[in-house]
Protein backbone atom coordinates (compact mmCIF):
# COMPACT_ATOMS: atom_id res chain seq x y z
CA UNK A 1 -4.41 1.71 -9.81
CA UNK A 2 -5.51 1.89 -6.17
CA UNK A 3 -3.66 4.41 -4.02
CA UNK A 4 -3.62 3.11 -0.44
CA UNK A 5 -1.73 6.07 1.04
CA UNK A 6 1.19 8.30 0.06
CA UNK A 7 3.63 5.37 0.28
CA UNK A 8 1.66 2.42 -1.14
CA UNK A 9 -0.35 1.69 -4.26
CA UNK A 10 -1.58 -1.50 -5.88
CA UNK A 11 -2.48 -2.20 -9.49
CA UNK A 12 -4.03 -5.10 -11.38
CA UNK A 13 -1.85 -6.67 -14.03
CA UNK A 14 -2.21 -9.64 -16.37
CA UNK A 15 -1.26 -12.26 -13.79
CA UNK A 16 -2.30 -10.76 -10.46
CA UNK A 17 -1.54 -7.60 -8.50
CA UNK A 18 1.55 -5.38 -8.39
CA UNK A 19 2.12 -3.63 -5.07
CA UNK A 20 4.38 -0.56 -5.16
CA UNK A 21 6.04 0.95 -2.11
CA UNK A 22 7.47 4.43 -2.66
CA UNK A 23 10.62 4.41 -0.54
CA UNK A 24 11.77 7.82 0.66
CA UNK A 25 15.43 8.72 0.48
CA UNK A 26 17.95 11.47 -0.15
CA UNK A 27 19.91 11.89 -3.38
CA UNK A 28 23.56 11.75 -2.25
CA UNK A 29 24.70 14.21 -4.94
CA UNK A 30 21.99 16.87 -4.72
CA UNK A 31 20.79 16.20 -1.15
CA UNK A 32 17.23 16.45 -2.53
CA UNK A 33 14.50 14.11 -1.25
CA UNK A 34 13.70 11.21 -3.58
CA UNK A 35 10.98 8.58 -3.87
CA UNK A 36 12.00 5.27 -5.41
CA UNK A 37 9.52 2.49 -6.21
CA UNK A 38 9.90 -1.02 -4.83
CA UNK A 39 7.51 -3.50 -6.43
CA UNK A 40 6.24 -6.85 -5.25
CA UNK A 41 3.86 -9.21 -7.02
CA UNK A 42 0.84 -10.99 -5.52
CA UNK A 43 -1.78 -13.41 -6.78
CA UNK A 44 -4.75 -11.70 -5.14
CA UNK A 45 -5.67 -8.21 -3.99
CA UNK A 46 -6.07 -9.51 -0.44
CA UNK A 47 -2.50 -10.87 -0.43
CA UNK A 48 -1.12 -7.56 -1.70
CA UNK A 49 -3.02 -5.52 0.89
CA UNK A 50 -2.07 -7.85 3.74
CA UNK A 51 1.59 -7.64 2.69
CA UNK A 52 1.46 -3.82 2.78
CA UNK A 53 -0.26 -3.91 6.17
CA UNK A 54 2.32 -6.36 7.54
CA UNK A 55 5.24 -4.19 6.38
CA UNK A 56 3.75 -1.08 7.99
CA UNK A 57 2.99 -2.55 11.39
CA UNK A 58 6.58 -3.78 11.63
CA UNK A 59 7.52 -0.17 12.48
CA UNK A 60 5.82 -0.37 15.90
CA UNK A 61 8.06 -0.03 18.96
CA UNK A 62 5.54 -1.26 21.53
CA UNK A 63 2.04 -2.73 21.81
CA UNK A 64 0.31 0.64 21.94
CA UNK A 65 2.02 1.76 18.72
CA UNK A 66 1.17 -1.59 17.14
CA UNK A 67 -2.50 -1.14 18.00
CA UNK A 68 -2.49 2.41 16.62
CA UNK A 69 -0.71 1.37 13.41
CA UNK A 70 -3.03 -1.59 12.91
CA UNK A 71 -6.07 0.64 13.31
CA UNK A 72 -4.82 3.33 10.93
CA UNK A 73 -3.36 0.98 8.32
CA UNK A 74 -6.37 -1.34 8.38
CA UNK A 75 -8.64 1.64 7.79
CA UNK A 76 -6.45 2.76 4.86
CA UNK A 77 -6.56 -0.71 3.32
CA UNK A 78 -10.35 -0.98 3.75
CA UNK A 79 -10.89 2.46 2.21
CA UNK A 80 -8.67 1.56 -0.75
CA UNK A 81 -10.51 -1.73 -1.28
CA UNK A 82 -13.88 0.05 -1.05
CA UNK A 83 -12.79 2.63 -3.65
CA UNK A 84 -11.77 -0.24 -5.94
CA UNK A 85 -15.10 -2.03 -5.41
CA UNK A 86 -17.08 1.13 -6.21
CA UNK A 87 -15.10 1.58 -9.45
CA UNK A 88 -15.82 -2.03 -10.45
CA UNK A 89 -19.54 -1.62 -9.69
CA UNK A 90 -19.71 1.59 -11.73
CA UNK A 91 -17.86 -0.04 -14.64
CA UNK A 92 -20.21 -3.04 -14.57
CA UNK A 93 -23.36 -0.88 -14.53
């Protein structure tokens, strides 16, 4: 499993990649914060990461926020992909 940030993680499965978004909410009965998973399925790691990036930048209210979100989220995706690559290299050694 590759943890992208506190809200997103991606994991290899038999047929491709499963991307999980941990949606934040409030339990209506207890009023406690909750985190519920929403999963999507992608053929390649690149598709999964681009989907997560696209969903995050949709929160921007103006061009400056879009630029900031793209910078931060792109860096998170690159770091997650690099961590995955290092694990693969170590496993192959």
